Full PDB file with SEQRES, HELIX, SHEET, SSBOND, CRYST1, ORIGX, SCALE, CONECT and MASTER records, all heavy atoms in Angstrom:
SEQRES   1 A   37  GLY ARG VAL MET PHE ALA ILE PRO TRP HIS GLN HIS THR          
SEQRES   2 A   37  LEU VAL GLY THR THR ASP VAL PRO LEU ASN ASP ILE PRO          
SEQRES   3 A   37  ILE GLU PRO VAL ALA THR GLU GLU GLU ILE ASP                  
HELIX    1 AA1 GLU A   33  ILE A   36  1                                   4    
SHEET    1 AA1 2 PHE A   5  TRP A   9  0                                        
SHEET    2 AA1 2 HIS A  12  GLY A  16 -1                                        
CRYST1    1.000    1.000    1.000  90.00  90.00  90.00 P 1           1          
ORIGX1      1.000000  0.000000  0.000000        0.00000                         
ORIGX2      0.000000  1.000000  0.000000        0.00000                         
ORIGX3      0.000000  0.000000  1.000000        0.00000                         
SCALE1      1.000000  0.000000  0.000000        0.00000                         
SCALE2      0.000000  1.000000  0.000000        0.00000                         
SCALE3      0.000000  0.000000  1.000000        0.00000                         
ATOM      1  N   GLY A   1     133.819  93.176 115.232  1.00  0.00           N  
ATOM      2  CA  GLY A   1     133.326  93.045 113.865  1.00  0.00           C  
ATOM      3  C   GLY A   1     131.851  92.756 113.748  1.00  0.00           C  
ATOM      4  O   GLY A   1     131.360  92.456 112.659  1.00  0.00           O  
ATOM      5  N   ARG A   2     131.123  92.847 114.855  1.00  0.00           N  
ATOM      6  CA  ARG A   2     129.691  92.568 114.804  1.00  0.00           C  
ATOM      7  C   ARG A   2     128.878  93.849 114.894  1.00  0.00           C  
ATOM      8  O   ARG A   2     129.411  94.945 115.099  1.00  0.00           O  
ATOM      9  CB  ARG A   2     129.291  91.634 115.953  1.00  0.00           C  
ATOM     10  CG  ARG A   2     129.789  90.207 115.791  1.00  0.00           C  
ATOM     11  CD  ARG A   2     129.081  89.270 116.746  1.00  0.00           C  
ATOM     12  NE  ARG A   2     127.641  89.240 116.515  1.00  0.00           N  
ATOM     13  CZ  ARG A   2     127.060  88.552 115.526  1.00  0.00           C  
ATOM     14  NH1 ARG A   2     127.785  87.832 114.698  1.00  0.00           N  
ATOM     15  NH2 ARG A   2     125.753  88.583 115.381  1.00  0.00           N  
ATOM     16  N   VAL A   3     127.565  93.681 114.767  1.00  0.00           N  
ATOM     17  CA  VAL A   3     126.614  94.754 115.023  1.00  0.00           C  
ATOM     18  C   VAL A   3     126.150  94.630 116.474  1.00  0.00           C  
ATOM     19  O   VAL A   3     125.930  93.523 116.962  1.00  0.00           O  
ATOM     20  CB  VAL A   3     125.415  94.636 114.060  1.00  0.00           C  
ATOM     21  CG1 VAL A   3     124.317  95.609 114.429  1.00  0.00           C  
ATOM     22  CG2 VAL A   3     125.865  94.843 112.623  1.00  0.00           C  
ATOM     23  N   MET A   4     126.033  95.755 117.189  1.00  0.00           N  
ATOM     24  CA  MET A   4     125.483  95.705 118.540  1.00  0.00           C  
ATOM     25  C   MET A   4     124.087  96.299 118.555  1.00  0.00           C  
ATOM     26  O   MET A   4     123.834  97.337 117.920  1.00  0.00           O  
ATOM     27  CB  MET A   4     126.358  96.472 119.531  1.00  0.00           C  
ATOM     28  CG  MET A   4     125.966  96.203 120.981  1.00  0.00           C  
ATOM     29  SD  MET A   4     126.470  97.475 122.166  1.00  0.00           S  
ATOM     30  CE  MET A   4     125.197  98.717 121.909  1.00  0.00           C  
ATOM     31  N   PHE A   5     123.180  95.623 119.264  1.00  0.00           N  
ATOM     32  CA  PHE A   5     121.819  96.099 119.414  1.00  0.00           C  
ATOM     33  C   PHE A   5     121.513  96.357 120.889  1.00  0.00           C  
ATOM     34  O   PHE A   5     121.928  95.585 121.761  1.00  0.00           O  
ATOM     35  CB  PHE A   5     120.815  95.060 118.902  1.00  0.00           C  
ATOM     36  CG  PHE A   5     120.884  94.803 117.423  1.00  0.00           C  
ATOM     37  CD1 PHE A   5     121.546  93.694 116.924  1.00  0.00           C  
ATOM     38  CD2 PHE A   5     120.273  95.665 116.528  1.00  0.00           C  
ATOM     39  CE1 PHE A   5     121.604  93.438 115.564  1.00  0.00           C  
ATOM     40  CE2 PHE A   5     120.319  95.428 115.155  1.00  0.00           C  
ATOM     41  CZ  PHE A   5     120.992  94.311 114.681  1.00  0.00           C  
ATOM     42  N   ALA A   6     120.775  97.414 121.142  1.00  0.00           N  
ATOM     43  CA  ALA A   6     120.120  97.620 122.441  1.00  0.00           C  
ATOM     44  C   ALA A   6     118.644  97.768 122.120  1.00  0.00           C  
ATOM     45  O   ALA A   6     118.250  98.702 121.396  1.00  0.00           O  
ATOM     46  CB  ALA A   6     120.656  98.862 123.148  1.00  0.00           C  
ATOM     47  N   ILE A   7     117.827  96.844 122.601  1.00  0.00           N  
ATOM     48  CA  ILE A   7     116.430  96.812 122.175  1.00  0.00           C  
ATOM     49  C   ILE A   7     115.482  96.693 123.368  1.00  0.00           C  
ATOM     50  O   ILE A   7     115.805  96.067 124.365  1.00  0.00           O  
ATOM     51  CB  ILE A   7     116.172  95.646 121.187  1.00  0.00           C  
ATOM     52  CG1 ILE A   7     116.399  94.292 121.862  1.00  0.00           C  
ATOM     53  CG2 ILE A   7     117.048  95.775 119.959  1.00  0.00           C  
ATOM     54  CD1 ILE A   7     116.044  93.122 120.972  1.00  0.00           C  
ATOM     55  N   PRO A   8     114.310  97.315 123.256  1.00  0.00           N  
ATOM     56  CA  PRO A   8     113.277  97.085 124.278  1.00  0.00           C  
ATOM     57  C   PRO A   8     112.631  95.722 124.050  1.00  0.00           C  
ATOM     58  O   PRO A   8     112.274  95.384 122.920  1.00  0.00           O  
ATOM     59  CB  PRO A   8     112.282  98.233 124.023  1.00  0.00           C  
ATOM     60  CG  PRO A   8     112.451  98.576 122.567  1.00  0.00           C  
ATOM     61  CD  PRO A   8     113.877  98.266 122.227  1.00  0.00           C  
ATOM     62  N   TRP A   9     112.508  94.940 125.122  1.00  0.00           N  
ATOM     63  CA  TRP A   9     111.943  93.594 124.993  1.00  0.00           C  
ATOM     64  C   TRP A   9     111.251  93.211 126.287  1.00  0.00           C  
ATOM     65  O   TRP A   9     111.876  93.183 127.346  1.00  0.00           O  
ATOM     66  CB  TRP A   9     113.046  92.583 124.649  1.00  0.00           C  
ATOM     67  CG  TRP A   9     112.562  91.205 124.324  1.00  0.00           C  
ATOM     68  CD1 TRP A   9     111.761  90.844 123.281  1.00  0.00           C  
ATOM     69  CD2 TRP A   9     112.842  89.995 125.044  1.00  0.00           C  
ATOM     70  NE1 TRP A   9     111.531  89.487 123.300  1.00  0.00           N  
ATOM     71  CE2 TRP A   9     112.187  88.940 124.369  1.00  0.00           C  
ATOM     72  CE3 TRP A   9     113.591  89.704 126.189  1.00  0.00           C  
ATOM     73  CZ2 TRP A   9     112.243  87.618 124.801  1.00  0.00           C  
ATOM     74  CZ3 TRP A   9     113.657  88.392 126.620  1.00  0.00           C  
ATOM     75  CH2 TRP A   9     112.989  87.356 125.937  1.00  0.00           C  
ATOM     76  N   HIS A  10     109.955  92.946 126.216  1.00  0.00           N  
ATOM     77  CA  HIS A  10     109.168  92.560 127.386  1.00  0.00           C  
ATOM     78  C   HIS A  10     109.404  93.502 128.573  1.00  0.00           C  
ATOM     79  O   HIS A  10     109.655  93.071 129.698  1.00  0.00           O  
ATOM     80  CB  HIS A  10     109.474  91.121 127.790  1.00  0.00           C  
ATOM     81  CG  HIS A  10     108.936  90.081 126.848  1.00  0.00           C  
ATOM     82  ND1 HIS A  10     107.698  90.182 126.248  1.00  0.00           N  
ATOM     83  CD2 HIS A  10     109.478  88.917 126.394  1.00  0.00           C  
ATOM     84  CE1 HIS A  10     107.491  89.128 125.473  1.00  0.00           C  
ATOM     85  NE2 HIS A  10     108.559  88.355 125.537  1.00  0.00           N  
ATOM     86  N   GLN A  11     109.325  94.806 128.303  1.00  0.00           N  
ATOM     87  CA  GLN A  11     109.472  95.836 129.339  1.00  0.00           C  
ATOM     88  C   GLN A  11     110.847  95.817 129.997  1.00  0.00           C  
ATOM     89  O   GLN A  11     111.021  96.251 131.140  1.00  0.00           O  
ATOM     90  CB  GLN A  11     108.373  95.694 130.398  1.00  0.00           C  
ATOM     91  CG  GLN A  11     106.961  95.770 129.856  1.00  0.00           C  
ATOM     92  CD  GLN A  11     106.689  97.097 129.140  1.00  0.00           C  
ATOM     93  OE1 GLN A  11     106.953  98.162 129.678  1.00  0.00           O  
ATOM     94  NE2 GLN A  11     106.170  97.021 127.908  1.00  0.00           N  
ATOM     95  N   HIS A  12     111.845  95.316 129.294  1.00  0.00           N  
ATOM     96  CA  HIS A  12     113.226  95.328 129.748  1.00  0.00           C  
ATOM     97  C   HIS A  12     114.110  95.827 128.609  1.00  0.00           C  
ATOM     98  O   HIS A  12     113.626  96.101 127.498  1.00  0.00           O  
ATOM     99  CB  HIS A  12     113.673  93.926 130.191  1.00  0.00           C  
ATOM    100  CG  HIS A  12     113.052  93.468 131.467  1.00  0.00           C  
ATOM    101  ND1 HIS A  12     111.710  93.154 131.573  1.00  0.00           N  
ATOM    102  CD2 HIS A  12     113.580  93.284 132.707  1.00  0.00           C  
ATOM    103  CE1 HIS A  12     111.442  92.792 132.817  1.00  0.00           C  
ATOM    104  NE2 HIS A  12     112.558  92.863 133.526  1.00  0.00           N  
ATOM    105  N   THR A  13     115.402  95.955 128.856  1.00  0.00           N  
ATOM    106  CA  THR A  13     116.370  96.370 127.839  1.00  0.00           C  
ATOM    107  C   THR A  13     117.349  95.230 127.594  1.00  0.00           C  
ATOM    108  O   THR A  13     118.008  94.759 128.527  1.00  0.00           O  
ATOM    109  CB  THR A  13     117.142  97.617 128.301  1.00  0.00           C  
ATOM    110  OG1 THR A  13     116.217  98.681 128.570  1.00  0.00           O  
ATOM    111  CG2 THR A  13     118.133  98.059 127.234  1.00  0.00           C  
ATOM    112  N   LEU A  14     117.431  94.790 126.349  1.00  0.00           N  
ATOM    113  CA  LEU A  14     118.295  93.682 125.948  1.00  0.00           C  
ATOM    114  C   LEU A  14     119.448  94.233 125.122  1.00  0.00           C  
ATOM    115  O   LEU A  14     119.226  94.976 124.162  1.00  0.00           O  
ATOM    116  CB  LEU A  14     117.486  92.679 125.129  1.00  0.00           C  
ATOM    117  CG  LEU A  14     118.200  91.442 124.569  1.00  0.00           C  
ATOM    118  CD1 LEU A  14     118.504  90.462 125.693  1.00  0.00           C  
ATOM    119  CD2 LEU A  14     117.330  90.767 123.514  1.00  0.00           C  
ATOM    120  N   VAL A  15     120.688  93.902 125.502  1.00  0.00           N  
ATOM    121  CA  VAL A  15     121.864  94.413 124.800  1.00  0.00           C  
ATOM    122  C   VAL A  15     122.759  93.250 124.391  1.00  0.00           C  
ATOM    123  O   VAL A  15     123.074  92.371 125.192  1.00  0.00           O  
ATOM    124  CB  VAL A  15     122.665  95.391 125.690  1.00  0.00           C  
ATOM    125  CG1 VAL A  15     123.844  95.976 124.903  1.00  0.00           C  
ATOM    126  CG2 VAL A  15     121.776  96.521 126.205  1.00  0.00           C  
ATOM    127  N   GLY A  16     123.187  93.224 123.146  1.00  0.00           N  
ATOM    128  CA  GLY A  16     124.093  92.182 122.662  1.00  0.00           C  
ATOM    129  C   GLY A  16     124.531  92.517 121.246  1.00  0.00           C  
ATOM    130  O   GLY A  16     124.041  93.474 120.645  1.00  0.00           O  
ATOM    131  N   THR A  17     125.487  91.797 120.701  1.00  0.00           N  
ATOM    132  CA  THR A  17     125.954  90.532 121.181  1.00  0.00           C  
ATOM    133  C   THR A  17     127.439  90.431 120.898  1.00  0.00           C  
ATOM    134  O   THR A  17     128.036  91.364 120.325  1.00  0.00           O  
ATOM    135  CB  THR A  17     125.197  89.364 120.517  1.00  0.00           C  
ATOM    136  OG1 THR A  17     125.651  88.110 120.976  1.00  0.00           O  
ATOM    137  CG2 THR A  17     125.329  89.423 119.010  1.00  0.00           C  
ATOM    138  N   THR A  18     128.047  89.306 121.240  1.00  0.00           N  
ATOM    139  CA  THR A  18     129.471  89.066 121.007  1.00  0.00           C  
ATOM    140  C   THR A  18     129.638  87.989 119.945  1.00  0.00           C  
ATOM    141  O   THR A  18     128.664  87.394 119.477  1.00  0.00           O  
ATOM    142  CB  THR A  18     130.151  88.611 122.307  1.00  0.00           C  
ATOM    143  OG1 THR A  18     129.462  87.464 122.823  1.00  0.00           O  
ATOM    144  CG2 THR A  18     130.142  89.721 123.339  1.00  0.00           C  
ATOM    145  N   ASP A  19     130.879  87.715 119.586  1.00  0.00           N  
ATOM    146  CA  ASP A  19     131.163  86.661 118.609  1.00  0.00           C  
ATOM    147  C   ASP A  19     132.487  86.021 118.986  1.00  0.00           C  
ATOM    148  O   ASP A  19     133.557  86.544 118.687  1.00  0.00           O  
ATOM    149  CB  ASP A  19     131.226  87.237 117.193  1.00  0.00           C  
ATOM    150  CG  ASP A  19     131.150  86.152 116.128  1.00  0.00           C  
ATOM    151  OD1 ASP A  19     131.936  85.197 116.209  1.00  0.00           O  
ATOM    152  OD2 ASP A  19     130.289  86.258 115.243  1.00  0.00           O  
ATOM    153  N   VAL A  20     132.411  84.884 119.680  1.00  0.00           N  
ATOM    154  CA  VAL A  20     133.605  84.214 120.197  1.00  0.00           C  
ATOM    155  C   VAL A  20     133.633  82.779 119.677  1.00  0.00           C  
ATOM    156  O   VAL A  20     132.749  81.982 120.000  1.00  0.00           O  
ATOM    157  CB  VAL A  20     133.620  84.204 121.738  1.00  0.00           C  
ATOM    158  CG1 VAL A  20     134.855  83.479 122.259  1.00  0.00           C  
ATOM    159  CG2 VAL A  20     133.564  85.632 122.280  1.00  0.00           C  
ATOM    160  N   PRO A  21     134.626  82.415 118.868  1.00  0.00           N  
ATOM    161  CA  PRO A  21     134.727  81.023 118.391  1.00  0.00           C  
ATOM    162  C   PRO A  21     134.880  80.046 119.556  1.00  0.00           C  
ATOM    163  O   PRO A  21     135.537  80.346 120.557  1.00  0.00           O  
ATOM    164  CB  PRO A  21     135.991  81.037 117.522  1.00  0.00           C  
ATOM    165  CG  PRO A  21     136.201  82.476 117.160  1.00  0.00           C  
ATOM    166  CD  PRO A  21     135.699  83.266 118.319  1.00  0.00           C  
ATOM    167  N   LEU A  22     134.244  78.871 119.429  1.00  0.00           N  
ATOM    168  CA  LEU A  22     134.296  77.851 120.476  1.00  0.00           C  
ATOM    169  C   LEU A  22     134.978  76.587 119.968  1.00  0.00           C  
ATOM    170  O   LEU A  22     134.897  76.268 118.782  1.00  0.00           O  
ATOM    171  CB  LEU A  22     132.881  77.488 120.936  1.00  0.00           C  
ATOM    172  CG  LEU A  22     132.044  78.580 121.609  1.00  0.00           C  
ATOM    173  CD1 LEU A  22     130.656  78.026 121.940  1.00  0.00           C  
ATOM    174  CD2 LEU A  22     132.710  79.102 122.861  1.00  0.00           C  
ATOM    175  N   ASN A  23     135.596  75.872 120.877  1.00  0.00           N  
ATOM    176  CA  ASN A  23     136.171  74.571 120.546  1.00  0.00           C  
ATOM    177  C   ASN A  23     135.212  73.430 120.859  1.00  0.00           C  
ATOM    178  O   ASN A  23     135.199  72.401 120.174  1.00  0.00           O  
ATOM    179  CB  ASN A  23     137.482  74.366 121.308  1.00  0.00           C  
ATOM    180  CG  ASN A  23     138.563  75.320 120.850  1.00  0.00           C  
ATOM    181  OD1 ASN A  23     138.684  75.603 119.648  1.00  0.00           O  
ATOM    182  ND2 ASN A  23     139.339  75.855 121.784  1.00  0.00           N  
ATOM    183  N   ASP A  24     134.429  73.593 121.924  1.00  0.00           N  
ATOM    184  CA  ASP A  24     133.424  72.583 122.251  1.00  0.00           C  
ATOM    185  C   ASP A  24     132.058  73.246 122.296  1.00  0.00           C  
ATOM    186  O   ASP A  24     131.938  74.472 122.216  1.00  0.00           O  
ATOM    187  CB  ASP A  24     133.742  71.889 123.585  1.00  0.00           C  
ATOM    188  CG  ASP A  24     133.822  72.889 124.743  1.00  0.00           C  
ATOM    189  OD1 ASP A  24     133.782  74.107 124.480  1.00  0.00           O  
ATOM    190  OD2 ASP A  24     133.910  72.452 125.903  1.00  0.00           O  
ATOM    191  N   ILE A  25     130.999  72.416 122.421  1.00  0.00           N  
ATOM    192  CA  ILE A  25     129.635  72.936 122.316  1.00  0.00           C  
ATOM    193  C   ILE A  25     128.829  72.454 123.527  1.00  0.00           C  
ATOM    194  O   ILE A  25     128.167  71.407 123.457  1.00  0.00           O  
ATOM    195  CB  ILE A  25     128.972  72.484 120.995  1.00  0.00           C  
ATOM    196  CG1 ILE A  25     129.905  72.779 119.811  1.00  0.00           C  
ATOM    197  CG2 ILE A  25     127.639  73.193 120.798  1.00  0.00           C  
ATOM    198  CD1 ILE A  25     129.383  72.278 118.478  1.00  0.00           C  
ATOM    199  N   PRO A  26     128.839  73.186 124.618  1.00  0.00           N  
ATOM    200  CA  PRO A  26     128.070  72.774 125.796  1.00  0.00           C  
ATOM    201  C   PRO A  26     126.577  72.978 125.576  1.00  0.00           C  
ATOM    202  O   PRO A  26     126.166  73.853 124.804  1.00  0.00           O  
ATOM    203  CB  PRO A  26     128.592  73.692 126.896  1.00  0.00           C  
ATOM    204  CG  PRO A  26     129.028  74.927 126.166  1.00  0.00           C  
ATOM    205  CD  PRO A  26     129.561  74.451 124.841  1.00  0.00           C  
ATOM    206  N   ILE A  27     125.759  72.173 126.247  1.00  0.00           N  
ATOM    207  CA  ILE A  27     124.307  72.337 126.126  1.00  0.00           C  
ATOM    208  C   ILE A  27     123.849  73.588 126.867  1.00  0.00           C  
ATOM    209  O   ILE A  27     122.844  74.191 126.523  1.00  0.00           O  
ATOM    210  CB  ILE A  27     123.556  71.077 126.648  1.00  0.00           C  
ATOM    211  CG1 ILE A  27     122.062  71.189 126.322  1.00  0.00           C  
ATOM    212  CG2 ILE A  27     123.775  70.869 128.130  1.00  0.00           C  
ATOM    213  CD1 ILE A  27     121.714  71.257 124.860  1.00  0.00           C  
ATOM    214  N   GLU A  28     124.609  74.005 127.892  1.00  0.00           N  
ATOM    215  CA  GLU A  28     124.271  75.215 128.647  1.00  0.00           C  
ATOM    216  C   GLU A  28     125.477  76.151 128.602  1.00  0.00           C  
ATOM    217  O   GLU A  28     126.280  76.210 129.525  1.00  0.00           O  
ATOM    218  CB  GLU A  28     123.917  74.865 130.099  1.00  0.00           C  
ATOM    219  CG  GLU A  28     123.316  76.012 130.904  1.00  0.00           C  
ATOM    220  CD  GLU A  28     121.967  76.479 130.377  1.00  0.00           C  
ATOM    221  OE1 GLU A  28     121.001  75.699 130.403  1.00  0.00           O  
ATOM    222  OE2 GLU A  28     121.896  77.645 129.939  1.00  0.00           O  
ATOM    223  N   PRO A  29     125.646  76.907 127.496  1.00  0.00           N  
ATOM    224  CA  PRO A  29     126.799  77.798 127.375  1.00  0.00           C  
ATOM    225  C   PRO A  29     126.767  78.904 128.424  1.00  0.00           C  
ATOM    226  O   PRO A  29     125.691  79.324 128.868  1.00  0.00           O  
ATOM    227  CB  PRO A  29     126.666  78.370 125.958  1.00  0.00           C  
ATOM    228  CG  PRO A  29     125.219  78.218 125.612  1.00  0.00           C  
ATOM    229  CD  PRO A  29     124.747  76.992 126.331  1.00  0.00           C  
ATOM    230  N   VAL A  30     127.934  79.373 128.810  1.00  0.00           N  
ATOM    231  CA  VAL A  30     128.055  80.360 129.880  1.00  0.00           C  
ATOM    232  C   VAL A  30     128.842  81.565 129.370  1.00  0.00           C  
ATOM    233  O   VAL A  30     129.899  81.406 128.730  1.00  0.00           O  
ATOM    234  CB  VAL A  30     128.767  79.746 131.110  1.00  0.00           C  
ATOM    235  CG1 VAL A  30     128.963  80.789 132.198  1.00  0.00           C  
ATOM    236  CG2 VAL A  30     127.966  78.559 131.646  1.00  0.00           C  
ATOM    237  N   ALA A  31     128.346  82.748 129.660  1.00  0.00           N  
ATOM    238  CA  ALA A  31     129.032  83.975 129.267  1.00  0.00           C  
ATOM    239  C   ALA A  31     130.362  84.094 130.005  1.00  0.00           C  
ATOM    240  O   ALA A  31     130.455  83.795 131.199  1.00  0.00           O  
ATOM    241  CB  ALA A  31     128.165  85.184 129.580  1.00  0.00           C  
ATOM    242  N   THR A  32     131.391  84.531 129.303  1.00  0.00           N  
ATOM    243  CA  THR A  32     132.676  84.771 129.946  1.00  0.00           C  
ATOM    244  C   THR A  32     132.709  86.185 130.531  1.00  0.00           C  
ATOM    245  O   THR A  32     131.942  87.066 130.112  1.00  0.00           O  
ATOM    246  CB  THR A  32     133.832  84.615 128.951  1.00  0.00           C  
ATOM    247  OG1 THR A  32     133.734  85.659 127.956  1.00  0.00           O  
ATOM    248  CG2 THR A  32     133.785  83.256 128.266  1.00  0.00           C  
ATOM    249  N   GLU A  33     133.612  86.404 131.473  1.00  0.00           N  
ATOM    250  CA  GLU A  33     133.758  87.733 132.055  1.00  0.00           C  
ATOM    251  C   GLU A  33     134.179  88.734 130.989  1.00  0.00           C  
ATOM    252  O   GLU A  33     133.747  89.898 131.010  1.00  0.00           O  
ATOM    253  CB  GLU A  33     134.776  87.703 133.200  1.00  0.00           C  
ATOM    254  CG  GLU A  33     134.367  86.838 134.384  1.00  0.00           C  
ATOM    255  CD  GLU A  33     133.063  87.292 135.026  1.00  0.00           C  
ATOM    256  OE1 GLU A  33     132.723  88.496 134.929  1.00  0.00           O  
ATOM    257  OE2 GLU A  33     132.375  86.443 135.618  1.00  0.00           O  
ATOM    258  N   GLU A  34     135.009  88.303 130.036  1.00  0.00           N  
ATOM    259  CA  GLU A  34     135.452  89.197 128.967  1.00  0.00           C  
ATOM    260  C   GLU A  34     134.270  89.640 128.097  1.00  0.00           C  
ATOM    261  O   GLU A  34     134.189  90.810 127.702  1.00  0.00           O  
ATOM    262  CB  GLU A  34     136.499  88.495 128.097  1.00  0.00           C  
ATOM    263  CG  GLU A  34     137.847  88.261 128.781  1.00  0.00           C  
ATOM    264  CD  GLU A  34     137.827  87.074 129.749  1.00  0.00           C  
ATOM    265  OE1 GLU A  34     136.838  86.290 129.707  1.00  0.00           O  
ATOM    266  OE2 GLU A  34     138.775  86.944 130.537  1.00  0.00           O  
ATOM    267  N   GLU A  35     133.367  88.707 127.803  1.00  0.00           N  
ATOM    268  CA  GLU A  35     132.190  89.067 127.002  1.00  0.00           C  
ATOM    269  C   GLU A  35     131.294  90.058 127.747  1.00  0.00           C  
ATOM    270  O   GLU A  35     130.776  91.013 127.159  1.00  0.00           O  
ATOM    271  CB  GLU A  35     131.398  87.804 126.654  1.00  0.00           C  
ATOM    272  CG  GLU A  35     132.055  86.909 125.621  1.00  0.00           C  
ATOM    273  CD  GLU A  35     131.234  85.663 125.357  1.00  0.00           C  
ATOM    274  OE1 GLU A  35     131.143  84.799 126.261  1.00  0.00           O  
ATOM    275  OE2 GLU A  35     130.677  85.557 124.253  1.00  0.00           O  
ATOM    276  N   ILE A  36     131.085  89.810 129.028  1.00  0.00           N  
ATOM    277  CA  ILE A  36     130.253  90.707 129.826  1.00  0.00           C  
ATOM    278  C   ILE A  36     130.857  92.110 129.856  1.00  0.00           C  
ATOM    279  O   ILE A  36     130.157  93.115 129.627  1.00  0.00           O  
ATOM    280  CB  ILE A  36     130.091  90.153 131.255  1.00  0.00           C  
ATOM    281  CG1 ILE A  36     129.276  88.851 131.226  1.00  0.00           C  
ATOM    282  CG2 ILE A  36     129.427  91.180 132.172  1.00  0.00           C  
ATOM    283  CD1 ILE A  36     129.272  88.087 132.534  1.00  0.00           C  
ATOM    284  N   ASP A  37     132.159  92.193 130.097  1.00  0.00           N  
ATOM    285  CA  ASP A  37     132.828  93.495 130.131  1.00  0.00           C  
ATOM    286  C   ASP A  37     132.751  94.185 128.769  1.00  0.00           C  
ATOM    287  O   ASP A  37     132.592  95.413 128.691  1.00  0.00           O  
ATOM    288  CB  ASP A  37     134.287  93.323 130.543  1.00  0.00           C  
ATOM    289  CG  ASP A  37     134.445  92.931 132.003  1.00  0.00           C  
ATOM    290  OD1 ASP A  37     133.481  93.138 132.778  1.00  0.00           O  
ATOM    291  OD2 ASP A  37     135.520  92.398 132.365  1.00  0.00           O  
TER     292      ASP A  37                                                      
MASTER        0    0    0    1    2    0    0    6  291    1    0    3          
END                                                                             
């Protein structure tokens, strides 16, 4: 249900994003394998 972007950024290619509800809020969130896939 989101919009996906692939954008040029600092001479690289940035692609995102996902939308996954969370139960807790870590200071250093980590991508899940499902999100990466």
